[in-house]
Amino acid sequence: MDKKIVKGEMQPVSPKLVIVQGIVQNLPEILGTIKEIYVLNKKEQLFGRVLQSRLDELNINKENFKVLVEGLTELSKSENTDNETKVFYRDMIKALFEIFTTNMRSSQEISTYLKEF
């Protein structure tokens, strides 16, 4: 058994006592670290849910986009449609592509922002 001198006296020092003293002396740092880990875990869970929600939304929008473009393309190719209406359908397709591209850029910006965390 090791001995420790305290105020000029020899006192036995056990490994358990040394560990307990180390924990007590470092308790504020230990609690602070546990709190930081907890906060980071909560943020990660929150950002995970936000990102999953955004991905779900994009998948729905992608399907809607696909259906709309396919439908408008078929309408613009129809022989029963006059030229002015065909041009209108093609303009709508162009507008959909612009909206979809803007949303994809927005999604990439969100993804880039979340990667920082």
C-alpha atoms as a PDB file:
ATOM      1  CA  MET A   1       0.000   0.000   0.000  1.00  0.00           C
ATOM      2  CA  ASP A   2       1.333   3.460  -0.910  1.00  0.00           C
ATOM      3  CA  LYS A   3       1.647   6.164   1.663  1.00  0.00           C
ATOM      4  CA  LYS A   4       0.977   9.862   1.271  1.00  0.00           C
ATOM      5  CA  ILE A   5       2.284  12.644   3.473  1.00  0.00           C
ATOM      6  CA  VAL A   6      -0.442  15.028   4.558  1.00  0.00           C
ATOM      7  CA  LYS A   7       0.506  17.853   6.943  1.00  0.00           C
ATOM      8  CA  GLY A   8       3.641  16.014   7.921  1.00  0.00           C
ATOM      9  CA  GLU A   9       1.848  12.747   8.686  1.00  0.00           C
ATOM     10  CA  MET A  10       2.010   9.519   6.700  1.00  0.00           C
ATOM     11  CA  GLN A  11      -1.401   8.343   5.465  1.00  0.00           C
ATOM     12  CA  PRO A  12      -2.214   5.272   3.382  1.00  0.00           C
ATOM     13  CA  VAL A  13      -3.304   6.001  -0.213  1.00  0.00           C
ATOM     14  CA  SER A  14      -5.440   3.466  -2.043  1.00  0.00           C
ATOM     15  CA  PRO A  15      -5.997   3.457  -5.819  1.00  0.00           C
ATOM     16  CA  LYS A  16      -9.733   3.957  -5.194  1.00  0.00           C
ATOM     17  CA  LEU A  17      -9.044   7.065  -3.130  1.00  0.00           C
ATOM     18  CA  VAL A  18      -6.800   8.517  -5.826  1.00  0.00           C
ATOM     19  CA  ILE A  19      -9.500   7.887  -8.474  1.00  0.00           C
ATOM     20  CA  VAL A  20     -12.206   9.443  -6.307  1.00  0.00           C
ATOM     21  CA  GLN A  21     -10.039  12.482  -5.592  1.00  0.00           C
ATOM     22  CA  GLY A  22      -9.317  12.872  -9.336  1.00  0.00           C
ATOM     23  CA  ILE A  23     -13.016  12.694 -10.166  1.00  0.00           C
ATOM     24  CA  VAL A  24     -13.979  15.185  -7.458  1.00  0.00           C
ATOM     25  CA  GLN A  25     -11.247  17.620  -8.494  1.00  0.00           C
ATOM     26  CA  ASN A  26     -12.257  17.409 -12.165  1.00  0.00           C
ATOM     27  CA  LEU A  27     -16.022  17.228 -11.625  1.00  0.00           C
ATOM     28  CA  PRO A  28     -16.838  20.619 -13.234  1.00  0.00           C
ATOM     29  CA  GLU A  29     -14.948  19.652 -16.417  1.00  0.00           C
ATOM     30  CA  ILE A  30     -16.531  16.192 -16.464  1.00  0.00           C
ATOM     31  CA  LEU A  31     -20.050  17.613 -16.085  1.00  0.00           C
ATOM     32  CA  GLY A  32     -19.350  20.284 -18.711  1.00  0.00           C
ATOM     33  CA  THR A  33     -18.175  17.647 -21.177  1.00  0.00           C
ATOM     34  CA  ILE A  34     -21.225  15.459 -20.529  1.00  0.00           C
ATOM     35  CA  LYS A  35     -23.465  18.487 -21.105  1.00  0.00           C
ATOM     36  CA  GLU A  36     -21.673  19.313 -24.399  1.00  0.00           C
ATOM     37  CA  ILE A  37     -22.045  15.714 -25.597  1.00  0.00           C
ATOM     38  CA  TYR A  38     -25.755  15.789 -24.740  1.00  0.00           C
ATOM     39  CA  VAL A  39     -26.311  19.102 -26.564  1.00  0.00           C
ATOM     40  CA  LEU A  40     -24.401  17.908 -29.647  1.00  0.00           C
ATOM     41  CA  ASN A  41     -26.410  14.679 -29.686  1.00  0.00           C
ATOM     42  CA  LYS A  42     -29.696  16.610 -29.531  1.00  0.00           C
ATOM     43  CA  LYS A  43     -28.560  18.950 -32.341  1.00  0.00           C
ATOM     44  CA  GLU A  44     -27.540  15.960 -34.440  1.00  0.00           C
ATOM     45  CA  GLN A  45     -30.954  14.358 -33.934  1.00  0.00           C
ATOM     46  CA  LEU A  46     -32.726  17.608 -34.819  1.00  0.00           C
ATOM     47  CA  PHE A  47     -30.656  18.204 -37.944  1.00  0.00           C
ATOM     48  CA  GLY A  48     -31.136  14.577 -38.940  1.00  0.00           C
ATOM     49  CA  ARG A  49     -34.911  14.980 -38.772  1.00  0.00           C
ATOM     50  CA  VAL A  50     -34.791  18.280 -40.699  1.00  0.00           C
ATOM     51  CA  LEU A  51     -32.598  16.759 -43.385  1.00  0.00           C
ATOM     52  CA  GLN A  52     -34.788  13.650 -43.696  1.00  0.00           C
ATOM     53  CA  SER A  53     -37.883  15.830 -43.968  1.00  0.00           C
ATOM     54  CA  ARG A  54     -36.230  17.898 -46.696  1.00  0.00           C
ATOM     55  CA  LEU A  55     -35.172  14.769 -48.589  1.00  0.00           C
ATOM     56  CA  ASP A  56     -38.699  13.364 -48.370  1.00  0.00           C
ATOM     57  CA  GLU A  57     -40.070  16.656 -49.694  1.00  0.00           C
ATOM     58  CA  LEU A  58     -37.580  16.635 -52.569  1.00  0.00           C
ATOM     59  CA  ASN A  59     -38.505  13.075 -53.496  1.00  0.00           C
ATOM     60  CA  ILE A  60     -42.200  14.005 -53.598  1.00  0.00           C
ATOM     61  CA  ASN A  61     -41.410  17.102 -55.658  1.00  0.00           C
ATOM     62  CA  LYS A  62     -39.220  15.067 -57.999  1.00  0.00           C
ATOM     63  CA  GLU A  63     -42.074  12.627 -58.656  1.00  0.00           C
ATOM     64  CA  ASN A  64     -44.560  15.468 -59.170  1.00  0.00           C
ATOM     65  CA  PHE A  65     -42.101  17.168 -61.514  1.00  0.00           C
ATOM     66  CA  LYS A  66     -41.626  13.987 -63.519  1.00  0.00           C
ATOM     67  CA  VAL A  67     -45.374  13.412 -63.896  1.00  0.00           C
ATOM     68  CA  LEU A  68     -46.005  17.041 -64.891  1.00  0.00           C
ATOM     69  CA  VAL A  69     -43.213  17.145 -67.469  1.00  0.00           C
ATOM     70  CA  GLU A  70     -44.243  13.807 -68.983  1.00  0.00           C
ATOM     71  CA  GLY A  71     -47.883  14.930 -69.183  1.00  0.00           C
ATOM     72  CA  LEU A  72     -47.039  18.307 -70.694  1.00  0.00           C
ATOM     73  CA  THR A  73     -44.629  16.714 -73.159  1.00  0.00           C
ATOM     74  CA  GLU A  74     -47.329  14.329 -74.350  1.00  0.00           C
ATOM     75  CA  LEU A  75     -49.818  17.191 -74.661  1.00  0.00           C
ATOM     76  CA  SER A  76     -47.346  19.297 -76.633  1.00  0.00           C
ATOM     77  CA  LYS A  77     -46.832  16.403 -79.076  1.00  0.00           C
ATOM     78  CA  SER A  78     -50.535  15.755 -79.555  1.00  0.00           C
ATOM     79  CA  GLU A  79     -51.778  16.170 -83.108  1.00  0.00           C
ATOM     80  CA  ASN A  80     -55.117  17.533 -81.870  1.00  0.00           C
ATOM     81  CA  THR A  81     -53.439  20.536 -80.219  1.00  0.00           C
ATOM     82  CA  ASP A  82     -52.947  23.829 -82.047  1.00  0.00           C
ATOM     83  CA  ASN A  83     -49.470  25.383 -82.311  1.00  0.00           C
ATOM     84  CA  GLU A  84     -50.176  28.183 -79.827  1.00  0.00           C
ATOM     85  CA  THR A  85     -51.192  25.653 -77.141  1.00  0.00           C
ATOM     86  CA  LYS A  86     -48.124  23.515 -77.904  1.00  0.00           C
ATOM     87  CA  VAL A  87     -45.899  26.555 -77.388  1.00  0.00           C
ATOM     88  CA  PHE A  88     -47.745  27.248 -74.131  1.00  0.00           C
ATOM     89  CA  TYR A  89     -47.068  23.668 -72.925  1.00  0.00           C
ATOM     90  CA  ARG A  90     -43.381  23.958 -73.841  1.00  0.00           C
ATOM     91  CA  ASP A  91     -43.147  27.260 -71.943  1.00  0.00           C
ATOM     92  CA  MET A  92     -44.707  25.556 -68.919  1.00  0.00           C
ATOM     93  CA  ILE A  93     -42.097  22.772 -69.158  1.00  0.00           C
ATOM     94  CA  LYS A  94     -39.307  25.381 -69.254  1.00  0.00           C
ATOM     95  CA  ALA A  95     -40.794  27.145 -66.230  1.00  0.00           C
ATOM     96  CA  LEU A  96     -40.992  23.813 -64.354  1.00  0.00           C
ATOM     97  CA  PHE A  97     -37.323  23.140 -65.111  1.00  0.00           C
ATOM     98  CA  GLU A  98     -36.399  26.596 -63.786  1.00  0.00           C
ATOM     99  CA  ILE A  99     -38.394  26.035 -60.590  1.00  0.00           C
ATOM    100  CA  PHE A 100     -36.922  22.560 -60.133  1.00  0.00           C
ATOM    101  CA  THR A 101     -33.374  23.865 -60.689  1.00  0.00           C
ATOM    102  CA  THR A 102     -33.920  26.664 -58.166  1.00  0.00           C
ATOM    103  CA  ASN A 103     -35.231  24.171 -55.609  1.00  0.00           C
ATOM    104  CA  MET A 104     -32.242  21.896 -56.188  1.00  0.00           C
ATOM    105  CA  ARG A 105     -29.852  24.812 -55.583  1.00  0.00           C
ATOM    106  CA  SER A 106     -31.757  25.653 -52.424  1.00  0.00           C
ATOM    107  CA  SER A 107     -31.531  22.041 -51.317  1.00  0.00           C
ATOM    108  CA  GLN A 108     -27.786  21.998 -51.923  1.00  0.00           C
ATOM    109  CA  GLU A 109     -27.391  25.173 -49.862  1.00  0.00           C
ATOM    110  CA  ILE A 110     -29.312  23.557 -46.987  1.00  0.00           C
ATOM    111  CA  SER A 111     -27.227  20.406 -47.301  1.00  0.00           C
ATOM    112  CA  THR A 112     -24.004  22.448 -47.264  1.00  0.00           C
ATOM    113  CA  TYR A 113     -25.222  24.369 -44.212  1.00  0.00           C
ATOM    114  CA  LEU A 114     -26.076  21.175 -42.327  1.00  0.00           C
ATOM    115  CA  LYS A 115     -22.697  19.621 -43.129  1.00  0.00           C
ATOM    116  CA  GLU A 116     -21.090  22.297 -40.948  1.00  0.00           C
ATOM    117  CA  PHE A 117     -22.703  20.680 -37.930  1.00  0.00           C
END
